[in-house]
């Protein structure tokens, strides 16, 4: 339980650094087509980098680029370390809200799984990354 709370607080710390007009608690506004394999691979690369303590590259919004400091990345990595090595993302669902697409995944590790949500803007750039408590 404490580990889960630690991971949640670390992902919430990420939220405070990456400002979005969309929050995880708001109801879904519409549906989005499931991601193609290239988008899931991009999310996996992003998440794998963050979960292993590295700053991710790729198509990120300026807010995400500036919000993912080395200190925050180290905190997030520490929060996921109890789960072991990250293996893969399993797609769960997708929706949209206020012009943003939200993709819900289960991140699978050696010792468990964690729900995560990726948000993309209208250009397809990663605009947010959140814990997703709705995904078990």
Protein backbone atom coordinates (compact mmCIF):
# COMPACT_ATOMS: atom_id res chain seq x y z
CA UNK A 1 0.00 0.00 0.00
CA UNK A 2 2.81 2.42 0.89
CA UNK A 3 4.56 1.65 -2.39
CA UNK A 4 1.36 2.37 -4.30
CA UNK A 5 0.95 5.67 -2.50
CA UNK A 6 4.58 6.56 -3.20
CA UNK A 7 4.12 5.86 -6.92
CA UNK A 8 0.91 7.88 -6.92
CA UNK A 9 2.56 10.84 -5.24
CA UNK A 10 5.46 10.72 -7.70
CA UNK A 11 3.14 10.72 -10.67
CA UNK A 12 1.15 13.54 -9.05
CA UNK A 13 4.42 15.46 -8.74
CA UNK A 14 4.78 15.05 -12.47
CA UNK A 15 1.29 16.50 -12.87
CA UNK A 16 2.30 19.62 -10.99
CA UNK A 17 5.18 20.18 -13.40
CA UNK A 18 3.21 19.55 -16.58
CA UNK A 19 0.22 21.84 -16.79
CA UNK A 20 -2.70 20.63 -18.88
CA UNK A 21 -6.26 21.82 -19.19
CA UNK A 22 -7.29 18.15 -18.91
CA UNK A 23 -7.38 16.28 -15.63
CA UNK A 24 -7.66 12.56 -15.02
CA UNK A 25 -10.75 13.01 -12.83
CA UNK A 26 -12.97 14.64 -15.47
CA UNK A 27 -15.47 12.44 -17.32
CA UNK A 28 -14.57 11.37 -20.82
CA UNK A 29 -15.73 13.65 -23.60
CA UNK A 30 -15.64 11.31 -26.58
CA UNK A 31 -14.11 8.25 -28.10
CA UNK A 32 -10.80 7.89 -29.88
CA UNK A 33 -9.69 5.07 -32.15
CA UNK A 34 -7.37 2.57 -30.48
CA UNK A 35 -3.71 3.45 -30.96
CA UNK A 36 -1.75 1.88 -33.78
CA UNK A 37 1.38 -0.12 -32.99
CA UNK A 38 3.63 2.88 -33.73
CA UNK A 39 1.88 5.05 -31.13
CA UNK A 40 1.99 2.29 -28.52
CA UNK A 41 5.70 1.82 -29.29
CA UNK A 42 6.24 5.56 -28.79
CA UNK A 43 4.43 5.45 -25.44
CA UNK A 44 6.45 2.36 -24.44
CA UNK A 45 9.70 4.11 -25.29
CA UNK A 46 8.66 7.20 -23.33
CA UNK A 47 7.50 5.20 -20.31
CA UNK A 48 10.50 2.86 -20.39
CA UNK A 49 12.87 5.83 -20.35
CA UNK A 50 11.06 7.51 -17.46
CA UNK A 51 10.71 4.27 -15.46
CA UNK A 52 14.44 3.61 -15.81
CA UNK A 53 15.53 7.10 -14.77
CA UNK A 54 16.19 8.64 -18.18
CA UNK A 55 14.75 11.72 -19.83
CA UNK A 56 12.63 10.56 -22.77
CA UNK A 57 13.00 11.94 -26.25
CA UNK A 58 10.53 12.06 -29.07
CA UNK A 59 7.52 14.15 -29.89
CA UNK A 60 6.77 15.93 -26.59
CA UNK A 61 5.08 19.24 -25.93
CA UNK A 62 7.34 22.04 -24.64
CA UNK A 63 5.62 21.80 -21.24
CA UNK A 64 6.45 18.10 -20.93
CA UNK A 65 10.04 18.69 -22.08
CA UNK A 66 10.58 21.39 -19.48
CA UNK A 67 8.62 19.63 -16.71
CA UNK A 68 10.55 16.37 -16.86
CA UNK A 69 13.61 17.50 -14.95
CA UNK A 70 16.38 15.09 -14.04
CA UNK A 71 15.31 15.38 -10.38
CA UNK A 72 11.69 14.48 -11.16
CA UNK A 73 12.78 11.59 -13.40
CA UNK A 74 14.92 10.23 -10.53
CA UNK A 75 11.93 10.42 -8.16
CA UNK A 76 9.65 8.62 -10.61
CA UNK A 77 12.30 5.95 -11.24
CA UNK A 78 12.63 5.42 -7.50
CA UNK A 79 8.86 5.02 -7.19
CA UNK A 80 8.75 2.31 -9.85
CA UNK A 81 11.88 0.46 -8.69
CA UNK A 82 9.89 -1.84 -6.36
CA UNK A 83 7.97 -3.15 -9.37
CA UNK A 84 11.14 -4.38 -11.05
CA UNK A 85 11.96 -4.16 -14.73
CA UNK A 86 9.38 -2.59 -17.06
CA UNK A 87 8.27 -5.07 -19.76
CA UNK A 88 5.40 -3.67 -21.80
CA UNK A 89 2.27 -1.57 -22.05
CA UNK A 90 -1.09 -3.26 -22.51
CA UNK A 91 -3.75 -1.08 -24.13
CA UNK A 92 -6.99 -0.77 -22.15
CA UNK A 93 -9.05 2.05 -23.67
CA UNK A 94 -8.98 5.48 -25.31
CA UNK A 95 -11.14 8.58 -25.10
CA UNK A 96 -10.92 12.29 -25.72
CA UNK A 97 -11.53 15.49 -23.84
CA UNK A 98 -11.18 19.15 -24.78
CA UNK A 99 -9.24 18.35 -27.95
CA UNK A 100 -6.82 15.93 -26.26
CA UNK A 101 -6.70 12.16 -26.80
CA UNK A 102 -6.30 10.04 -23.67
CA UNK A 103 -4.85 6.53 -23.92
CA UNK A 104 -5.21 4.22 -20.92
CA UNK A 105 -2.67 1.42 -20.47
CA UNK A 106 -1.52 -1.14 -17.95
CA UNK A 107 2.26 -0.94 -17.49
CA UNK A 108 3.52 -4.47 -16.78
CA UNK A 109 6.64 -4.99 -14.65
CA UNK A 110 8.40 -8.02 -13.15
CA UNK A 111 6.55 -7.62 -9.84
CA UNK A 112 3.21 -6.13 -10.76
CA UNK A 113 1.40 -3.62 -12.92
CA UNK A 114 0.46 0.03 -12.78
CA UNK A 115 -2.28 1.90 -14.65
CA UNK A 116 -0.97 4.82 -16.69
CA UNK A 117 -2.56 7.32 -19.04
CA UNK A 118 -0.86 9.17 -21.88
CA UNK A 119 -2.37 12.33 -23.30
CA UNK A 120 -1.62 13.65 -26.77
CA UNK A 121 -2.44 17.03 -28.23
CA UNK A 122 -3.96 17.65 -31.66
CA UNK A 123 -0.53 17.34 -33.31
CA UNK A 124 0.11 13.95 -31.67
CA UNK A 125 2.74 15.22 -29.23
CA UNK A 126 2.75 13.70 -25.75
CA UNK A 127 1.16 16.40 -23.61
CA UNK A 128 0.78 14.48 -20.36
CA UNK A 129 1.53 11.34 -18.42
CA UNK A 130 -0.49 10.30 -15.38
CA UNK A 131 -1.16 7.45 -13.01
CA UNK A 132 -4.48 5.90 -14.03
CA UNK A 133 -6.21 4.44 -10.96
CA UNK A 134 -9.11 3.25 -13.14
CA UNK A 135 -6.81 0.66 -14.72
CA UNK A 136 -6.04 -2.38 -12.58
